[in-house]
C-alpha atoms as a PDB file:
ATOM      1  CA  MET A   1       0.000   0.000   0.000  1.00  0.00           C
ATOM      2  CA  SER A   2       1.361   3.428  -0.963  1.00  0.00           C
ATOM      3  CA  ASP A   3       1.834   6.285   1.499  1.00  0.00           C
ATOM      4  CA  LYS A   4      -1.112   8.109  -0.100  1.00  0.00           C
ATOM      5  CA  ASN A   5      -3.369   5.120   0.478  1.00  0.00           C
ATOM      6  CA  TYR A   6      -2.226   4.878   4.110  1.00  0.00           C
ATOM      7  CA  ILE A   7      -3.132   8.531   4.611  1.00  0.00           C
ATOM      8  CA  LYS A   8      -6.557   7.978   3.015  1.00  0.00           C
ATOM      9  CA  GLN A   9      -7.157   5.010   5.319  1.00  0.00           C
ATOM     10  CA  PHE A  10      -6.251   7.071   8.387  1.00  0.00           C
ATOM     11  CA  LYS A  11      -8.629   9.822   7.295  1.00  0.00           C
ATOM     12  CA  ARG A  12     -11.426   7.328   6.712  1.00  0.00           C
ATOM     13  CA  VAL A  13     -10.950   5.583  10.072  1.00  0.00           C
ATOM     14  CA  PHE A  14      -9.913   8.442  12.352  1.00  0.00           C
ATOM     15  CA  GLY A  15     -11.295  11.444  10.481  1.00  0.00           C
ATOM     16  CA  VAL A  16      -7.973  13.298  10.534  1.00  0.00           C
ATOM     17  CA  ASN A  17      -5.773  14.817   7.847  1.00  0.00           C
ATOM     18  CA  GLN A  18      -2.098  13.923   7.463  1.00  0.00           C
ATOM     19  CA  SER A  19      -0.896  16.893   9.512  1.00  0.00           C
ATOM     20  CA  HIS A  20      -3.007  15.787  12.485  1.00  0.00           C
ATOM     21  CA  ILE A  21      -1.937  12.128  12.647  1.00  0.00           C
ATOM     22  CA  ASN A  22      -0.224  11.523  15.996  1.00  0.00           C
ATOM     23  CA  SER A  23       1.239   8.655  18.012  1.00  0.00           C
ATOM     24  CA  GLN A  24      -2.153   7.739  19.499  1.00  0.00           C
ATOM     25  CA  HIS A  25      -3.580   7.149  16.041  1.00  0.00           C
ATOM     26  CA  ILE A  26      -0.594   4.930  15.221  1.00  0.00           C
ATOM     27  CA  VAL A  27      -1.039   2.957  18.449  1.00  0.00           C
ATOM     28  CA  LYS A  28      -4.759   2.411  17.830  1.00  0.00           C
ATOM     29  CA  ALA A  29      -4.072   1.272  14.271  1.00  0.00           C
ATOM     30  CA  ILE A  30      -1.457  -1.260  15.411  1.00  0.00           C
ATOM     31  CA  VAL A  31      -3.703  -2.562  18.202  1.00  0.00           C
ATOM     32  CA  SER A  32      -6.597  -2.970  15.758  1.00  0.00           C
ATOM     33  CA  TYR A  33      -4.349  -4.990  13.468  1.00  0.00           C
ATOM     34  CA  GLU A  34      -3.041  -7.159  16.300  1.00  0.00           C
ATOM     35  CA  ARG A  35      -6.612  -8.082  17.249  1.00  0.00           C
ATOM     36  CA  THR A  36      -6.894  -9.807  13.872  1.00  0.00           C
ATOM     37  CA  LEU A  37      -3.939 -12.097  14.620  1.00  0.00           C
ATOM     38  CA  VAL A  38      -5.725 -15.223  15.788  1.00  0.00           C
ATOM     39  CA  SER A  39      -3.769 -18.416  16.371  1.00  0.00           C
ATOM     40  CA  GLY A  40      -5.180 -21.781  17.340  1.00  0.00           C
ATOM     41  CA  ASP A  41      -5.426 -25.482  16.601  1.00  0.00           C
ATOM     42  CA  SER A  42      -1.672 -25.900  16.876  1.00  0.00           C
ATOM     43  CA  SER A  43      -0.094 -29.311  17.424  1.00  0.00           C
ATOM     44  CA  PHE A  44      -0.024 -28.426  21.111  1.00  0.00           C
ATOM     45  CA  ASP A  45      -3.771 -27.669  21.146  1.00  0.00           C
ATOM     46  CA  GLN A  46      -4.592 -30.949  19.435  1.00  0.00           C
ATOM     47  CA  TYR A  47      -2.363 -32.796  21.895  1.00  0.00           C
ATOM     48  CA  TYR A  48      -3.406 -31.005  25.078  1.00  0.00           C
ATOM     49  CA  PHE A  49      -7.053 -30.138  24.523  1.00  0.00           C
ATOM     50  CA  GLY A  50      -7.873 -32.651  21.784  1.00  0.00           C
ATOM     51  CA  ARG A  51      -6.191 -35.486  23.692  1.00  0.00           C
ATOM     52  CA  ASP A  52      -4.455 -36.645  20.507  1.00  0.00           C
ATOM     53  CA  LYS A  53      -1.107 -37.807  21.813  1.00  0.00           C
ATOM     54  CA  SER A  54       0.229 -38.334  18.301  1.00  0.00           C
ATOM     55  CA  GLN A  55       0.339 -34.574  17.672  1.00  0.00           C
ATOM     56  CA  LEU A  56       3.546 -33.934  19.627  1.00  0.00           C
ATOM     57  CA  SER A  57       6.861 -35.620  18.991  1.00  0.00           C
ATOM     58  CA  PRO A  58       8.447 -37.361  21.997  1.00  0.00           C
ATOM     59  CA  SER A  59      10.863 -34.420  22.242  1.00  0.00           C
ATOM     60  CA  ALA A  60       8.067 -31.820  22.196  1.00  0.00           C
ATOM     61  CA  ALA A  61       6.050 -33.794  24.756  1.00  0.00           C
ATOM     62  CA  ARG A  62       9.056 -33.832  27.066  1.00  0.00           C
ATOM     63  CA  GLY A  63       9.426 -30.124  26.385  1.00  0.00           C
ATOM     64  CA  LEU A  64       5.860 -29.513  27.565  1.00  0.00           C
ATOM     65  CA  ARG A  65       6.617 -31.220  30.869  1.00  0.00           C
ATOM     66  CA  LEU A  66       9.806 -29.183  31.228  1.00  0.00           C
ATOM     67  CA  PHE A  67       7.904 -26.016  30.329  1.00  0.00           C
ATOM     68  CA  ARG A  68       5.455 -26.584  33.186  1.00  0.00           C
ATOM     69  CA  ARG A  69       7.945 -27.869  35.754  1.00  0.00           C
ATOM     70  CA  LYS A  70      11.737 -27.626  35.737  1.00  0.00           C
ATOM     71  CA  GLY A  71      11.852 -24.846  33.147  1.00  0.00           C
ATOM     72  CA  ASN A  72       9.473 -22.697  35.235  1.00  0.00           C
ATOM     73  CA  CYS A  73       8.164 -21.199  31.965  1.00  0.00           C
ATOM     74  CA  ALA A  74       4.458 -21.616  32.781  1.00  0.00           C
ATOM     75  CA  ASN A  75       4.939 -19.387  35.825  1.00  0.00           C
ATOM     76  CA  CYS A  76       4.430 -16.470  33.424  1.00  0.00           C
ATOM     77  CA  HIS A  77       3.414 -18.136  30.137  1.00  0.00           C
ATOM     78  CA  GLU A  78       0.337 -19.751  31.656  1.00  0.00           C
ATOM     79  CA  ILE A  79      -1.363 -22.981  30.629  1.00  0.00           C
ATOM     80  CA  SER A  80      -4.706 -23.720  32.299  1.00  0.00           C
ATOM     81  CA  TRP A  81      -6.887 -26.798  32.105  1.00  0.00           C
ATOM     82  CA  ASP A  82      -9.332 -25.133  29.685  1.00  0.00           C
ATOM     83  CA  ASN A  83      -7.211 -22.481  27.929  1.00  0.00           C
ATOM     84  CA  ALA A  84      -3.626 -21.643  27.083  1.00  0.00           C
ATOM     85  CA  LEU A  85      -2.881 -18.009  26.366  1.00  0.00           C
ATOM     86  CA  PHE A  86       0.804 -18.499  27.209  1.00  0.00           C
ATOM     87  CA  MET A  87       0.790 -15.130  28.981  1.00  0.00           C
ATOM     88  CA  ASP A  88      -0.453 -13.728  32.292  1.00  0.00           C
ATOM     89  CA  ASN A  89      -0.806  -9.988  31.523  1.00  0.00           C
ATOM     90  CA  GLN A  90       1.804  -9.238  34.196  1.00  0.00           C
ATOM     91  CA  PHE A  91       5.134  -7.406  34.076  1.00  0.00           C
ATOM     92  CA  TYR A  92       8.537  -8.847  35.011  1.00  0.00           C
ATOM     93  CA  ASN A  93      12.196  -7.872  35.095  1.00  0.00           C
ATOM     94  CA  ILE A  94      14.004 -10.761  33.406  1.00  0.00           C
ATOM     95  CA  GLY A  95      17.299  -8.934  33.054  1.00  0.00           C
ATOM     96  CA  VAL A  96      17.083  -7.993  29.377  1.00  0.00           C
ATOM     97  CA  GLU A  97      18.708  -4.570  28.763  1.00  0.00           C
ATOM     98  CA  SER A  98      19.743  -4.363  32.429  1.00  0.00           C
ATOM     99  CA  GLN A  99      23.372  -3.896  31.345  1.00  0.00           C
ATOM    100  CA  ALA A 100      22.400  -0.492  29.945  1.00  0.00           C
ATOM    101  CA  LEU A 101      21.353   0.647  33.430  1.00  0.00           C
ATOM    102  CA  ALA A 102      24.189  -1.037  35.346  1.00  0.00           C
ATOM    103  CA  PRO A 103      26.612   1.939  35.225  1.00  0.00           C
ATOM    104  CA  ILE A 104      24.071   4.382  36.659  1.00  0.00           C
ATOM    105  CA  ILE A 105      21.632   2.218  38.650  1.00  0.00           C
ATOM    106  CA  GLU A 106      22.854   3.223  42.132  1.00  0.00           C
ATOM    107  CA  THR A 107      22.835   6.914  41.251  1.00  0.00           C
ATOM    108  CA  PHE A 108      19.477   6.492  39.567  1.00  0.00           C
ATOM    109  CA  VAL A 109      17.820   4.905  42.626  1.00  0.00           C
ATOM    110  CA  LYS A 110      19.254   7.590  44.922  1.00  0.00           C
ATOM    111  CA  ALA A 111      17.934  10.267  42.578  1.00  0.00           C
ATOM    112  CA  LEU A 112      14.471   8.701  42.668  1.00  0.00           C
ATOM    113  CA  LYS A 113      14.458   8.772  46.443  1.00  0.00           C
ATOM    114  CA  HIS A 114      15.518  12.411  46.618  1.00  0.00           C
ATOM    115  CA  GLY A 115      13.596  14.013  43.784  1.00  0.00           C
ATOM    116  CA  SER A 116      13.336  14.195  40.024  1.00  0.00           C
ATOM    117  CA  ILE A 117      15.746  12.069  38.038  1.00  0.00           C
ATOM    118  CA  GLU A 118      15.658  14.665  35.279  1.00  0.00           C
ATOM    119  CA  GLU A 119      17.463  17.073  37.567  1.00  0.00           C
ATOM    120  CA  SER A 120      19.939  14.542  38.963  1.00  0.00           C
ATOM    121  CA  ILE A 121      20.990  12.299  36.107  1.00  0.00           C
ATOM    122  CA  ALA A 122      20.910  12.320  32.330  1.00  0.00           C
ATOM    123  CA  LEU A 123      19.722   9.078  30.735  1.00  0.00           C
ATOM    124  CA  THR A 124      20.467   7.954  27.215  1.00  0.00           C
ATOM    125  CA  ASP A 125      17.616   6.801  24.974  1.00  0.00           C
ATOM    126  CA  THR A 126      18.730   3.202  25.504  1.00  0.00           C
ATOM    127  CA  GLN A 127      18.656   3.622  29.277  1.00  0.00           C
ATOM    128  CA  LYS A 128      15.210   5.198  29.142  1.00  0.00           C
ATOM    129  CA  SER A 129      14.002   2.232  27.114  1.00  0.00           C
ATOM    130  CA  ALA A 130      15.507  -0.187  29.624  1.00  0.00           C
ATOM    131  CA  LEU A 131      13.385   1.334  32.414  1.00  0.00           C
ATOM    132  CA  GLY A 132      10.377  -0.541  31.056  1.00  0.00           C
ATOM    133  CA  ARG A 133       7.182  -0.385  33.126  1.00  0.00           C
ATOM    134  CA  PHE A 134       8.717   2.275  35.377  1.00  0.00           C
ATOM    135  CA  GLN A 135       8.238   4.776  32.544  1.00  0.00           C
ATOM    136  CA  VAL A 136       4.471   4.401  33.065  1.00  0.00           C
ATOM    137  CA  THR A 137       4.109   3.924  36.821  1.00  0.00           C
ATOM    138  CA  GLY A 138       7.095   5.772  38.318  1.00  0.00           C
ATOM    139  CA  VAL A 139       7.341   2.957  40.897  1.00  0.00           C
ATOM    140  CA  ILE A 140      10.944   1.948  41.674  1.00  0.00           C
ATOM    141  CA  SER A 141      10.141  -1.773  41.792  1.00  0.00           C
ATOM    142  CA  ASP A 142       8.892  -1.560  38.200  1.00  0.00           C
ATOM    143  CA  VAL A 143      12.334  -0.685  36.807  1.00  0.00           C
ATOM    144  CA  GLY A 144      13.155  -3.041  33.934  1.00  0.00           C
ATOM    145  CA  LYS A 145       9.774  -4.757  33.923  1.00  0.00           C
ATOM    146  CA  PHE A 146       8.099  -5.677  30.638  1.00  0.00           C
ATOM    147  CA  LYS A 147       4.822  -7.428  29.894  1.00  0.00           C
ATOM    148  CA  THR A 148       4.760 -11.178  29.340  1.00  0.00           C
ATOM    149  CA  PRO A 149       4.143 -11.873  25.632  1.00  0.00           C
ATOM    150  CA  THR A 150       2.204 -14.860  24.338  1.00  0.00           C
ATOM    151  CA  LEU A 151       4.277 -17.693  22.930  1.00  0.00           C
ATOM    152  CA  ARG A 152       1.777 -18.703  20.277  1.00  0.00           C
ATOM    153  CA  ASP A 153       3.425 -18.728  16.841  1.00  0.00           C
ATOM    154  CA  ILE A 154       6.694 -17.961  18.616  1.00  0.00           C
ATOM    155  CA  ALA A 155       8.734 -19.946  16.082  1.00  0.00           C
ATOM    156  CA  LEU A 156       7.706 -17.391  13.450  1.00  0.00           C
ATOM    157  CA  THR A 157       8.513 -14.195  15.325  1.00  0.00           C
ATOM    158  CA  ALA A 158      12.293 -14.029  15.744  1.00  0.00           C
ATOM    159  CA  PRO A 159      14.215 -12.132  17.022  1.00  0.00           C
ATOM    160  CA  TYR A 160      13.128 -12.408  20.642  1.00  0.00           C
ATOM    161  CA  MET A 161      12.819 -10.367  23.857  1.00  0.00           C
ATOM    162  CA  HIS A 162      11.355  -6.864  23.827  1.00  0.00           C
ATOM    163  CA  ASP A 163      14.526  -5.427  22.314  1.00  0.00           C
ATOM    164  CA  GLY A 164      15.118  -8.160  19.736  1.00  0.00           C
ATOM    165  CA  SER A 165      18.470  -8.974  21.307  1.00  0.00           C
ATOM    166  CA  VAL A 166      18.073 -12.766  21.242  1.00  0.00           C
ATOM    167  CA  LYS A 167      18.148 -14.301  17.770  1.00  0.00           C
ATOM    168  CA  THR A 168      16.849 -17.880  18.108  1.00  0.00           C
ATOM    169  CA  LEU A 169      14.625 -19.993  20.354  1.00  0.00           C
ATOM    170  CA  ALA A 170      17.699 -21.996  21.342  1.00  0.00           C
ATOM    171  CA  ASP A 171      19.319 -18.740  22.468  1.00  0.00           C
ATOM    172  CA  VAL A 172      16.180 -17.848  24.461  1.00  0.00           C
ATOM    173  CA  VAL A 173      16.350 -21.155  26.311  1.00  0.00           C
ATOM    174  CA  GLU A 174      20.063 -20.613  26.948  1.00  0.00           C
ATOM    175  CA  TYR A 175      19.369 -17.122  28.330  1.00  0.00           C
ATOM    176  CA  TYR A 176      16.871 -18.449  30.863  1.00  0.00           C
ATOM    177  CA  ASP A 177      19.050 -21.436  31.684  1.00  0.00           C
ATOM    178  CA  GLN A 178      21.786 -18.994  32.742  1.00  0.00           C
ATOM    179  CA  GLY A 179      19.333 -17.140  34.974  1.00  0.00           C
ATOM    180  CA  GLY A 180      19.090 -13.943  32.961  1.00  0.00           C
ATOM    181  CA  HIS A 181      21.260 -10.905  33.654  1.00  0.00           C
ATOM    182  CA  ALA A 182      21.665 -10.097  37.338  1.00  0.00           C
ATOM    183  CA  ASN A 183      20.379  -6.700  38.455  1.00  0.00           C
ATOM    184  CA  PRO A 184      18.838  -5.242  41.636  1.00  0.00           C
ATOM    185  CA  PHE A 185      15.326  -5.614  40.220  1.00  0.00           C
ATOM    186  CA  LEU A 186      15.564  -9.118  38.719  1.00  0.00           C
ATOM    187  CA  ASP A 187      12.366 -11.075  39.345  1.00  0.00           C
ATOM    188  CA  ALA A 188      12.589 -13.931  41.850  1.00  0.00           C
ATOM    189  CA  ALA A 189      11.208 -16.317  39.201  1.00  0.00           C
ATOM    190  CA  ILE A 190      14.402 -15.894  37.140  1.00  0.00           C
ATOM    191  CA  PHE A 191      17.205 -18.184  38.276  1.00  0.00           C
ATOM    192  CA  PRO A 192      19.639 -20.720  36.737  1.00  0.00           C
ATOM    193  CA  LEU A 193      17.763 -23.804  35.520  1.00  0.00           C
ATOM    194  CA  HIS A 194      20.662 -26.230  34.996  1.00  0.00           C
ATOM    195  CA  LEU A 195      19.100 -27.806  31.915  1.00  0.00           C
ATOM    196  CA  THR A 196      20.828 -30.568  30.003  1.00  0.00           C
ATOM    197  CA  ASP A 197      21.511 -30.202  26.282  1.00  0.00           C
ATOM    198  CA  GLN A 198      18.625 -32.583  25.530  1.00  0.00           C
ATOM    199  CA  GLU A 199      16.253 -30.659  27.786  1.00  0.00           C
ATOM    200  CA  LYS A 200      17.114 -27.449  25.943  1.00  0.00           C
ATOM    201  CA  LYS A 201      16.339 -29.126  22.621  1.00  0.00           C
ATOM    202  CA  ASP A 202      13.061 -30.479  24.011  1.00  0.00           C
ATOM    203  CA  LEU A 203      11.930 -27.010  25.099  1.00  0.00           C
ATOM    204  CA  VAL A 204      12.647 -25.650  21.633  1.00  0.00           C
ATOM    205  CA  ALA A 205      10.734 -28.555  20.062  1.00  0.00           C
ATOM    206  CA  PHE A 206       7.746 -27.766  22.273  1.00  0.00           C
ATOM    207  CA  MET A 207       7.738 -24.077  21.366  1.00  0.00           C
ATOM    208  CA  GLN A 208       7.882 -24.988  17.688  1.00  0.00           C
ATOM    209  CA  ALA A 209       4.634 -26.922  18.256  1.00  0.00           C
ATOM    210  CA  LEU A 210       2.805 -23.711  19.204  1.00  0.00           C
ATOM    211  CA  THR A 211       2.377 -22.511  15.610  1.00  0.00           C
ATOM    212  CA  GLY A 212      -1.319 -22.281  14.741  1.00  0.00           C
ATOM    213  CA  ALA A 213      -2.855 -24.284  11.913  1.00  0.00           C
ATOM    214  CA  GLN A 214      -3.788 -21.051  10.168  1.00  0.00           C
ATOM    215  CA  VAL A 215      -1.536 -18.050  10.651  1.00  0.00           C
ATOM    216  CA  ASN A 216      -2.903 -14.688   9.522  1.00  0.00           C
ATOM    217  CA  GLU A 217      -0.536 -12.561   7.479  1.00  0.00           C
END
């Protein structure tokens, strides 16, 4: 679609001319699109809800057990008896981007306790991004927290993490196996998992089984 057609679509939907399009219009447009992305009837769904045990490979089936137990993945990427959104709508600090804040974190926390950080410390754009949920709430404990994403169709959505810093599902598993990046706000649910090489492969095999039968483009 050409830029002119995009502008016409915005005017039709939002009733605004090009000069009046703002970030809120962009956000609403993206959210509207995301609501059309429906995924279901994956191999996992047929195995778990359809009770068809042939739908998962032995490796993926082991991965499901690891996902719910030793891997601690379902702590945030929830699976219930009657639904599996693979998310919990909560926010966590898993250590991603924490290195950006490491050089200034002590000064930053002191500044928060004594007044405005704008007056006490200058943050780079990367550091501001790394603040995560704190940017919305202003609550110290929310530093570095980001919302749990769904894992449906996860094999199709590389790169991973909110900043795209992890390239493959195998790398994601390795990141969590190492216990994330240590920082003062790291969530208690993030710790070294001590997975074997086979267990890592099984977790990847399970996540690859979360691709829906029909994926909207």
